[in-house]
Amino acid sequence: YDNIEKKMYAGGATDQFIRWENPQTGSTFTPVAISAFAGAVRSIAVSPYTANRVFFGTSSGKIVLVDNANTATPAATNITGSGMPAAIVSCVGMGTNDSNLIATYSNYGVNHIWVTTTCGGTGGWTNITGNFPDIPVRWAIFYPEDNTKAIIATEMGVYETSNINGSST
């Protein structure tokens, strides 16, 4: 939900999101096609820092930044990093700005937790799965005002790290 623009975002058909234009008062829904998704939307995060910016995670492992998501012609940028799994992106979370992101994957047998300080892209993500067990990760957040600590929600419970440090996390 974008509490500034008062719009709700949801997954739609493959390569599409749905924008609920007036969730307080009506039922106007706009389907928006985004070919960069290369799958179905599985996670959504509205930026609290940049107006009308939404991050989408997909069933194909893509993380896509969409600017002007409130318009008929949004601009989509695939910010997925090289080496990231082609698995379900269960969460994209923001830290102290849009450049500090944490992304999680919910499949078995993949590197589950990734971070970036550069808003992603090729080479911009670091796998911080470290010694984490091979379990589906559902959600992750940075500590408030601290991009070096995170809380991770999984099928087995909630984990935390007080030192995001690449493969040594």
N, C-alpha and C. Protein backbone atom coordinates (compact mmCIF):
# COMPACT_ATOMS: atom_id res chain seq x y z
N TYR A 1 0.84 -1.19 0.00
CA TYR A 1 0.00 0.00 0.00
C TYR A 1 0.88 1.24 0.00
N ASP A 2 0.59 2.18 -0.87
CA ASP A 2 1.28 3.47 -0.92
C ASP A 2 0.42 4.46 -0.15
N ASN A 3 0.82 4.77 1.08
CA ASN A 3 -0.02 5.63 1.91
C ASN A 3 0.07 7.11 1.54
N ILE A 4 0.97 7.48 0.66
CA ILE A 4 1.02 8.87 0.18
C ILE A 4 0.10 9.04 -1.01
N GLU A 5 0.23 8.16 -2.00
CA GLU A 5 -0.62 8.23 -3.20
C GLU A 5 -1.98 7.57 -3.01
N LYS A 6 -2.13 6.84 -1.90
CA LYS A 6 -3.39 6.14 -1.60
C LYS A 6 -3.75 5.14 -2.70
N LYS A 7 -2.75 4.30 -3.06
CA LYS A 7 -2.97 3.25 -4.05
C LYS A 7 -2.46 1.94 -3.48
N MET A 8 -3.08 0.85 -3.91
CA MET A 8 -2.69 -0.48 -3.48
C MET A 8 -2.12 -1.21 -4.68
N TYR A 9 -1.03 -1.96 -4.46
CA TYR A 9 -0.41 -2.74 -5.52
C TYR A 9 -0.52 -4.22 -5.18
N ALA A 10 -0.77 -5.04 -6.21
CA ALA A 10 -0.90 -6.48 -6.02
C ALA A 10 -0.39 -7.19 -7.27
N GLY A 11 -0.11 -8.49 -7.11
CA GLY A 11 0.27 -9.29 -8.27
C GLY A 11 -0.93 -9.54 -9.16
N GLY A 12 -0.68 -9.66 -10.44
CA GLY A 12 -1.73 -9.96 -11.39
C GLY A 12 -1.37 -11.23 -12.15
N ALA A 13 -1.72 -11.28 -13.41
CA ALA A 13 -1.33 -12.40 -14.26
C ALA A 13 0.19 -12.36 -14.45
N THR A 14 0.73 -13.36 -15.11
CA THR A 14 2.17 -13.38 -15.40
C THR A 14 2.57 -12.07 -16.08
N ASP A 15 3.70 -11.51 -15.66
CA ASP A 15 4.24 -10.26 -16.20
C ASP A 15 3.31 -9.07 -16.00
N GLN A 16 2.62 -9.03 -14.85
CA GLN A 16 1.65 -7.97 -14.64
C GLN A 16 1.48 -7.68 -13.14
N PHE A 17 1.26 -6.40 -12.82
CA PHE A 17 0.78 -6.07 -11.49
C PHE A 17 -0.55 -5.36 -11.62
N ILE A 18 -1.29 -5.33 -10.53
CA ILE A 18 -2.59 -4.66 -10.49
C ILE A 18 -2.45 -3.46 -9.57
N ARG A 19 -2.96 -2.32 -10.03
CA ARG A 19 -2.97 -1.11 -9.21
C ARG A 19 -4.42 -0.79 -8.85
N TRP A 20 -4.71 -0.80 -7.56
CA TRP A 20 -6.04 -0.43 -7.08
C TRP A 20 -6.01 1.07 -6.89
N GLU A 21 -6.70 1.78 -7.75
CA GLU A 21 -6.59 3.23 -7.81
C GLU A 21 -7.18 3.96 -6.60
N ASN A 22 -8.24 3.41 -6.03
CA ASN A 22 -8.97 4.12 -4.99
C ASN A 22 -9.43 3.15 -3.88
N PRO A 23 -8.50 2.56 -3.14
CA PRO A 23 -8.88 1.52 -2.18
C PRO A 23 -9.79 2.00 -1.05
N GLN A 24 -9.81 3.30 -0.76
CA GLN A 24 -10.70 3.78 0.30
C GLN A 24 -12.14 3.94 -0.16
N THR A 25 -12.32 4.18 -1.45
CA THR A 25 -13.66 4.58 -1.89
C THR A 25 -14.25 3.77 -3.03
N GLY A 26 -13.48 3.00 -3.76
CA GLY A 26 -14.04 2.40 -4.96
C GLY A 26 -13.39 1.11 -5.37
N SER A 27 -13.70 0.71 -6.58
CA SER A 27 -13.22 -0.56 -7.10
C SER A 27 -12.62 -0.40 -8.50
N THR A 28 -11.77 0.60 -8.66
CA THR A 28 -11.10 0.82 -9.93
C THR A 28 -9.73 0.15 -9.89
N PHE A 29 -9.58 -0.90 -10.71
CA PHE A 29 -8.35 -1.67 -10.77
C PHE A 29 -7.73 -1.52 -12.15
N THR A 30 -6.42 -1.28 -12.19
CA THR A 30 -5.73 -1.12 -13.45
C THR A 30 -4.64 -2.18 -13.57
N PRO A 31 -4.75 -3.10 -14.54
CA PRO A 31 -3.66 -4.05 -14.77
C PRO A 31 -2.54 -3.35 -15.54
N VAL A 32 -1.29 -3.60 -15.12
CA VAL A 32 -0.14 -2.96 -15.75
C VAL A 32 0.84 -4.06 -16.15
N ALA A 33 1.14 -4.15 -17.44
CA ALA A 33 2.07 -5.17 -17.95
C ALA A 33 3.51 -4.70 -17.80
N ILE A 34 4.36 -5.59 -17.28
CA ILE A 34 5.80 -5.31 -17.12
C ILE A 34 6.56 -6.55 -17.60
N SER A 35 7.13 -6.49 -18.78
CA SER A 35 7.81 -7.66 -19.35
C SER A 35 9.05 -8.06 -18.55
N ALA A 36 9.66 -7.11 -17.83
CA ALA A 36 10.86 -7.41 -17.04
C ALA A 36 10.59 -8.39 -15.91
N PHE A 37 9.33 -8.58 -15.52
CA PHE A 37 9.00 -9.52 -14.45
C PHE A 37 9.39 -10.95 -14.82
N ALA A 38 9.16 -11.36 -16.05
CA ALA A 38 9.46 -12.72 -16.51
C ALA A 38 8.86 -13.77 -15.57
N GLY A 39 7.69 -13.48 -15.05
CA GLY A 39 7.00 -14.39 -14.13
C GLY A 39 5.91 -13.65 -13.38
N ALA A 40 5.39 -14.29 -12.35
CA ALA A 40 4.31 -13.70 -11.55
C ALA A 40 4.90 -12.95 -10.36
N VAL A 41 4.25 -11.88 -9.95
CA VAL A 41 4.67 -11.10 -8.78
C VAL A 41 4.43 -11.92 -7.52
N ARG A 42 5.43 -12.01 -6.66
CA ARG A 42 5.33 -12.74 -5.40
C ARG A 42 5.60 -11.87 -4.18
N SER A 43 6.22 -10.70 -4.38
CA SER A 43 6.44 -9.77 -3.26
C SER A 43 6.44 -8.34 -3.78
N ILE A 44 6.01 -7.43 -2.91
CA ILE A 44 5.87 -6.02 -3.30
C ILE A 44 6.32 -5.16 -2.13
N ALA A 45 7.09 -4.11 -2.43
CA ALA A 45 7.49 -3.14 -1.42
C ALA A 45 7.42 -1.74 -2.02
N VAL A 46 6.63 -0.88 -1.41
CA VAL A 46 6.51 0.51 -1.86
C VAL A 46 7.59 1.32 -1.14
N SER A 47 8.32 2.11 -1.89
CA SER A 47 9.38 2.92 -1.30
C SER A 47 8.80 4.05 -0.45
N PRO A 48 9.31 4.19 0.78
CA PRO A 48 8.91 5.35 1.57
C PRO A 48 9.79 6.57 1.27
N TYR A 49 10.78 6.40 0.38
CA TYR A 49 11.76 7.45 0.11
C TYR A 49 11.56 8.13 -1.24
N THR A 50 11.09 7.40 -2.23
CA THR A 50 10.92 7.93 -3.58
C THR A 50 9.47 7.77 -4.00
N ALA A 51 8.82 8.86 -4.31
CA ALA A 51 7.40 8.84 -4.67
C ALA A 51 7.15 7.92 -5.86
N ASN A 52 6.13 7.09 -5.75
CA ASN A 52 5.65 6.23 -6.83
C ASN A 52 6.66 5.20 -7.30
N ARG A 53 7.60 4.82 -6.40
CA ARG A 53 8.57 3.77 -6.70
C ARG A 53 8.13 2.51 -5.95
N VAL A 54 8.08 1.39 -6.69
CA VAL A 54 7.68 0.12 -6.11
C VAL A 54 8.68 -0.94 -6.54
N PHE A 55 9.08 -1.80 -5.59
CA PHE A 55 9.95 -2.92 -5.86
C PHE A 55 9.11 -4.19 -5.92
N PHE A 56 9.30 -4.99 -6.96
CA PHE A 56 8.56 -6.23 -7.13
C PHE A 56 9.54 -7.40 -7.17
N GLY A 57 9.22 -8.47 -6.46
CA GLY A 57 9.95 -9.73 -6.55
C GLY A 57 9.07 -10.73 -7.26
N THR A 58 9.65 -11.59 -8.09
CA THR A 58 8.83 -12.47 -8.93
C THR A 58 9.10 -13.95 -8.69
N SER A 59 8.27 -14.75 -9.31
CA SER A 59 8.41 -16.21 -9.24
C SER A 59 9.62 -16.71 -10.00
N SER A 60 10.18 -15.89 -10.88
CA SER A 60 11.34 -16.29 -11.67
C SER A 60 12.66 -15.81 -11.07
N GLY A 61 12.59 -15.20 -9.88
CA GLY A 61 13.81 -14.72 -9.23
C GLY A 61 14.18 -13.30 -9.56
N LYS A 62 13.38 -12.63 -10.34
CA LYS A 62 13.69 -11.24 -10.73
C LYS A 62 13.28 -10.27 -9.62
N ILE A 63 14.09 -9.22 -9.47
CA ILE A 63 13.74 -8.09 -8.63
C ILE A 63 13.69 -6.89 -9.56
N VAL A 64 12.52 -6.26 -9.62
CA VAL A 64 12.28 -5.20 -10.59
C VAL A 64 11.86 -3.93 -9.86
N LEU A 65 12.57 -2.84 -10.14
CA LEU A 65 12.24 -1.53 -9.62
C LEU A 65 11.33 -0.86 -10.64
N VAL A 66 10.18 -0.36 -10.21
CA VAL A 66 9.25 0.32 -11.11
C VAL A 66 9.05 1.74 -10.61
N ASP A 67 9.49 2.71 -11.41
CA ASP A 67 9.25 4.11 -11.12
C ASP A 67 7.99 4.56 -11.84
N ASN A 68 7.34 5.57 -11.30
CA ASN A 68 6.07 6.07 -11.83
C ASN A 68 5.03 4.95 -11.90
N ALA A 69 5.01 4.13 -10.87
CA ALA A 69 4.09 2.99 -10.82
C ALA A 69 2.64 3.43 -10.81
N ASN A 70 2.39 4.69 -10.51
CA ASN A 70 1.04 5.21 -10.45
C ASN A 70 0.52 5.71 -11.80
N THR A 71 1.33 5.58 -12.86
CA THR A 71 0.95 6.12 -14.17
C THR A 71 0.65 5.00 -15.17
N ALA A 72 0.18 5.42 -16.34
CA ALA A 72 -0.11 4.46 -17.40
C ALA A 72 1.16 3.94 -18.06
N THR A 73 2.28 4.65 -17.89
CA THR A 73 3.53 4.24 -18.52
C THR A 73 4.67 4.22 -17.49
N PRO A 74 4.64 3.26 -16.58
CA PRO A 74 5.73 3.17 -15.59
C PRO A 74 7.03 2.74 -16.24
N ALA A 75 8.15 3.07 -15.59
CA ALA A 75 9.48 2.68 -16.07
C ALA A 75 10.00 1.55 -15.20
N ALA A 76 10.26 0.39 -15.81
CA ALA A 76 10.73 -0.79 -15.08
C ALA A 76 12.20 -1.02 -15.34
N THR A 77 12.93 -1.35 -14.25
CA THR A 77 14.35 -1.68 -14.34
C THR A 77 14.60 -2.98 -13.59
N ASN A 78 15.14 -3.96 -14.29
CA ASN A 78 15.50 -5.22 -13.64
C ASN A 78 16.79 -4.97 -12.85
N ILE A 79 16.71 -5.09 -11.51
CA ILE A 79 17.88 -4.84 -10.66
C ILE A 79 18.42 -6.14 -10.07
N THR A 80 18.00 -7.27 -10.64
CA THR A 80 18.49 -8.57 -10.19
C THR A 80 19.99 -8.66 -10.45
N GLY A 81 20.72 -9.20 -9.50
CA GLY A 81 22.15 -9.33 -9.64
C GLY A 81 22.56 -10.64 -10.29
N SER A 82 23.76 -10.66 -10.83
CA SER A 82 24.27 -11.90 -11.41
C SER A 82 24.50 -12.90 -10.29
N GLY A 83 24.15 -14.15 -10.53
CA GLY A 83 24.32 -15.20 -9.53
C GLY A 83 23.14 -15.38 -8.60
N MET A 84 22.17 -14.48 -8.66
CA MET A 84 20.99 -14.63 -7.79
C MET A 84 20.14 -15.78 -8.34
N PRO A 85 19.45 -16.52 -7.45
CA PRO A 85 18.73 -17.71 -7.90
C PRO A 85 17.50 -17.39 -8.74
N ALA A 86 17.16 -18.32 -9.62
CA ALA A 86 15.92 -18.24 -10.39
C ALA A 86 14.85 -18.94 -9.56
N ALA A 87 14.53 -18.34 -8.43
CA ALA A 87 13.60 -18.92 -7.46
C ALA A 87 12.64 -17.82 -7.01
N ILE A 88 11.70 -18.16 -6.16
CA ILE A 88 10.67 -17.21 -5.73
C ILE A 88 11.27 -16.16 -4.79
N VAL A 89 11.14 -14.89 -5.17
CA VAL A 89 11.55 -13.79 -4.31
C VAL A 89 10.41 -13.55 -3.32
N SER A 90 10.66 -13.90 -2.06
CA SER A 90 9.61 -13.80 -1.05
C SER A 90 9.53 -12.44 -0.40
N CYS A 91 10.59 -11.64 -0.51
CA CYS A 91 10.58 -10.32 0.14
C CYS A 91 11.66 -9.44 -0.45
N VAL A 92 11.34 -8.17 -0.60
CA VAL A 92 12.33 -7.13 -0.87
C VAL A 92 12.08 -6.06 0.18
N GLY A 93 13.09 -5.78 1.00
CA GLY A 93 12.96 -4.78 2.05
C GLY A 93 13.96 -3.67 1.89
N MET A 94 13.60 -2.49 2.34
CA MET A 94 14.47 -1.33 2.24
C MET A 94 15.06 -0.98 3.60
N GLY A 95 16.28 -0.47 3.56
CA GLY A 95 16.94 0.02 4.76
C GLY A 95 16.71 1.51 4.92
N THR A 96 17.79 2.25 5.10
CA THR A 96 17.69 3.69 5.37
C THR A 96 17.46 4.53 4.11
N ASN A 97 17.50 3.88 2.93
CA ASN A 97 17.19 4.54 1.67
C ASN A 97 16.94 3.48 0.61
N ASP A 98 16.61 3.89 -0.61
CA ASP A 98 16.30 2.94 -1.69
C ASP A 98 17.51 2.16 -2.16
N SER A 99 18.71 2.61 -1.84
CA SER A 99 19.91 1.89 -2.27
C SER A 99 20.21 0.68 -1.41
N ASN A 100 19.82 0.72 -0.14
CA ASN A 100 20.06 -0.38 0.79
C ASN A 100 18.85 -1.31 0.79
N LEU A 101 19.02 -2.46 0.14
CA LEU A 101 17.93 -3.42 0.00
C LEU A 101 18.35 -4.77 0.54
N ILE A 102 17.38 -5.52 1.03
CA ILE A 102 17.57 -6.92 1.41
C ILE A 102 16.51 -7.72 0.68
N ALA A 103 16.91 -8.83 0.08
CA ALA A 103 15.98 -9.67 -0.67
C ALA A 103 16.09 -11.10 -0.17
N THR A 104 14.96 -11.80 -0.13
CA THR A 104 14.96 -13.19 0.32
C THR A 104 14.28 -14.09 -0.71
N TYR A 105 14.69 -15.37 -0.65
CA TYR A 105 14.15 -16.40 -1.55
C TYR A 105 13.58 -17.53 -0.72
N SER A 106 12.44 -18.08 -1.16
CA SER A 106 11.73 -19.05 -0.33
C SER A 106 11.90 -20.50 -0.78
N ASN A 107 12.75 -20.77 -1.75
CA ASN A 107 12.95 -22.15 -2.21
C ASN A 107 14.04 -22.83 -1.39
N TYR A 108 14.02 -24.17 -1.39
CA TYR A 108 15.12 -24.95 -0.82
C TYR A 108 16.26 -24.98 -1.83
N GLY A 109 17.48 -25.20 -1.34
CA GLY A 109 18.62 -25.41 -2.22
C GLY A 109 19.15 -24.18 -2.92
N VAL A 110 18.83 -22.98 -2.42
CA VAL A 110 19.32 -21.75 -3.02
C VAL A 110 19.96 -20.89 -1.93
N ASN A 111 20.71 -19.89 -2.36
CA ASN A 111 21.20 -18.88 -1.42
C ASN A 111 20.02 -17.97 -1.10
N HIS A 112 19.62 -17.93 0.16
CA HIS A 112 18.34 -17.35 0.55
C HIS A 112 18.32 -15.85 0.80
N ILE A 113 19.46 -15.24 1.16
CA ILE A 113 19.42 -13.86 1.63
C ILE A 113 20.51 -13.04 0.91
N TRP A 114 20.10 -11.92 0.33
CA TRP A 114 21.00 -11.07 -0.45
C TRP A 114 20.82 -9.62 -0.03
N VAL A 115 21.89 -8.83 -0.08
CA VAL A 115 21.81 -7.40 0.21
C VAL A 115 22.55 -6.60 -0.86
N THR A 116 22.18 -5.34 -0.97
CA THR A 116 22.86 -4.40 -1.84
C THR A 116 22.89 -3.04 -1.16
N THR A 117 23.92 -2.27 -1.45
CA THR A 117 24.00 -0.89 -0.99
C THR A 117 23.95 0.07 -2.18
N THR A 118 23.72 -0.51 -3.39
CA THR A 118 23.74 0.29 -4.62
C THR A 118 22.45 0.14 -5.43
N CYS A 119 21.39 -0.29 -4.80
CA CYS A 119 20.11 -0.53 -5.47
C CYS A 119 20.23 -1.64 -6.52
N GLY A 120 21.09 -2.59 -6.27
CA GLY A 120 21.15 -3.80 -7.07
C GLY A 120 21.86 -3.70 -8.39
N GLY A 121 21.39 -4.53 -9.31
CA GLY A 121 22.01 -4.62 -10.62
C GLY A 121 23.12 -5.66 -10.64
N THR A 122 23.68 -5.86 -11.80
CA THR A 122 24.74 -6.85 -11.98
C THR A 122 25.93 -6.50 -11.09
N GLY A 123 26.31 -7.45 -10.25
CA GLY A 123 27.45 -7.24 -9.36
C GLY A 123 27.15 -6.41 -8.14
N GLY A 124 25.94 -5.88 -8.04
CA GLY A 124 25.59 -5.01 -6.93
C GLY A 124 24.99 -5.71 -5.73
N TRP A 125 24.76 -7.02 -5.81
CA TRP A 125 24.17 -7.78 -4.70
C TRP A 125 25.23 -8.69 -4.08
N THR A 126 25.12 -8.87 -2.77
CA THR A 126 26.01 -9.77 -2.05
C THR A 126 25.18 -10.84 -1.36
N ASN A 127 25.58 -12.09 -1.56
CA ASN A 127 24.94 -13.21 -0.89
C ASN A 127 25.38 -13.20 0.57
N ILE A 128 24.43 -13.06 1.50
CA ILE A 128 24.76 -13.07 2.93
C ILE A 128 24.15 -14.28 3.63
N THR A 129 23.85 -15.33 2.87
CA THR A 129 23.25 -16.52 3.46
C THR A 129 24.15 -17.11 4.54
N GLY A 130 25.46 -17.01 4.36
CA GLY A 130 26.41 -17.46 5.38
C GLY A 130 26.11 -18.87 5.87
N ASN A 131 26.02 -19.05 7.19
CA ASN A 131 25.76 -20.37 7.76
C ASN A 131 24.27 -20.61 8.01
N PHE A 132 23.44 -19.88 7.32
CA PHE A 132 21.99 -20.02 7.48
C PHE A 132 21.53 -21.41 7.02
N PRO A 133 20.61 -22.04 7.73
CA PRO A 133 20.13 -23.36 7.30
C PRO A 133 19.38 -23.29 5.97
N ASP A 134 19.29 -24.42 5.27
CA ASP A 134 18.60 -24.48 3.98
C ASP A 134 17.10 -24.61 4.23
N ILE A 135 16.49 -23.49 4.60
CA ILE A 135 15.04 -23.43 4.85
C ILE A 135 14.46 -22.24 4.11
N PRO A 136 13.20 -22.31 3.71
CA PRO A 136 12.59 -21.17 3.04
C PRO A 136 12.56 -19.93 3.93
N VAL A 137 12.93 -18.81 3.36
CA VAL A 137 12.87 -17.54 4.05
C VAL A 137 11.66 -16.79 3.52
N ARG A 138 10.87 -16.27 4.43
CA ARG A 138 9.62 -15.60 4.04
C ARG A 138 9.72 -14.08 4.04
N TRP A 139 10.55 -13.52 4.95
CA TRP A 139 10.55 -12.07 5.11
C TRP A 139 11.86 -11.64 5.74
N ALA A 140 12.27 -10.41 5.48
CA ALA A 140 13.46 -9.86 6.13
C ALA A 140 13.31 -8.35 6.24
N ILE A 141 13.85 -7.81 7.32
CA ILE A 141 13.90 -6.36 7.49
C ILE A 141 15.25 -6.00 8.11
N PHE A 142 15.71 -4.82 7.77
CA PHE A 142 16.85 -4.26 8.47
C PHE A 142 16.37 -3.72 9.81
N TYR A 143 17.27 -3.66 10.79
CA TYR A 143 16.96 -2.95 12.03
C TYR A 143 16.68 -1.50 11.67
N PRO A 144 15.83 -0.82 12.42
CA PRO A 144 15.60 0.60 12.14
C PRO A 144 16.91 1.39 12.19
N GLU A 145 17.14 2.16 11.15
CA GLU A 145 18.31 3.04 11.06
C GLU A 145 19.65 2.32 11.10
N ASP A 146 19.67 1.01 10.76
CA ASP A 146 20.93 0.26 10.79
C ASP A 146 20.95 -0.79 9.69
N ASN A 147 21.68 -0.51 8.62
CA ASN A 147 21.74 -1.43 7.48
C ASN A 147 22.73 -2.56 7.68
N THR A 148 23.31 -2.70 8.87
CA THR A 148 24.26 -3.77 9.14
C THR A 148 23.67 -4.88 9.99
N LYS A 149 22.39 -4.76 10.34
CA LYS A 149 21.71 -5.77 11.15
C LYS A 149 20.38 -6.11 10.49
N ALA A 150 19.95 -7.37 10.62
CA ALA A 150 18.70 -7.77 9.99
C ALA A 150 17.95 -8.79 10.84
N ILE A 151 16.65 -8.85 10.63
CA ILE A 151 15.78 -9.85 11.23
C ILE A 151 15.20 -10.66 10.07
N ILE A 152 15.26 -11.98 10.18
CA ILE A 152 14.88 -12.88 9.09
C ILE A 152 13.77 -13.81 9.59
N ALA A 153 12.65 -13.83 8.90
CA ALA A 153 11.54 -14.72 9.25
C ALA A 153 11.53 -15.93 8.33
N THR A 154 11.44 -17.14 8.91
CA THR A 154 11.52 -18.38 8.15
C THR A 154 10.40 -19.33 8.55
N GLU A 155 10.37 -20.50 7.92
CA GLU A 155 9.43 -21.54 8.30
C GLU A 155 9.73 -22.12 9.68
N MET A 156 10.98 -21.99 10.14
CA MET A 156 11.37 -22.56 11.43
C MET A 156 11.41 -21.55 12.56
N GLY A 157 11.16 -20.29 12.27
CA GLY A 157 11.20 -19.26 13.30
C GLY A 157 11.88 -18.01 12.81
N VAL A 158 12.19 -17.14 13.75
CA VAL A 158 12.78 -15.84 13.44
C VAL A 158 14.25 -15.84 13.85
N TYR A 159 15.10 -15.40 12.94
CA TYR A 159 16.54 -15.30 13.17
C TYR A 159 16.93 -13.83 13.10
N GLU A 160 18.11 -13.54 13.64
CA GLU A 160 18.64 -12.20 13.48
C GLU A 160 20.14 -12.27 13.31
N THR A 161 20.68 -11.22 12.71
CA THR A 161 22.12 -11.08 12.64
C THR A 161 22.46 -9.67 13.06
N SER A 162 23.48 -9.53 13.86
CA SER A 162 23.91 -8.21 14.30
C SER A 162 25.12 -7.74 13.50
N ASN A 163 25.48 -8.51 12.44
CA ASN A 163 26.63 -8.12 11.64
C ASN A 163 26.51 -8.69 10.23
N ILE A 164 25.87 -7.94 9.33
CA ILE A 164 25.83 -8.35 7.92
C ILE A 164 27.25 -8.17 7.40
N ASN A 165 27.85 -9.30 6.99
CA ASN A 165 29.27 -9.29 6.62
C ASN A 165 29.52 -10.30 5.51
N GLY A 166 28.87 -10.09 4.36
CA GLY A 166 29.08 -10.98 3.22
C GLY A 166 28.85 -12.42 3.56
N SER A 167 29.71 -13.30 3.07
CA SER A 167 29.57 -14.75 3.31
C SER A 167 29.85 -15.14 4.75
N SER A 168 30.39 -14.22 5.54
CA SER A 168 30.66 -14.47 6.96
C SER A 168 29.49 -14.07 7.86
N THR A 169 28.37 -13.70 7.26
CA THR A 169 27.22 -13.28 8.08
C THR A 169 26.73 -14.44 8.91
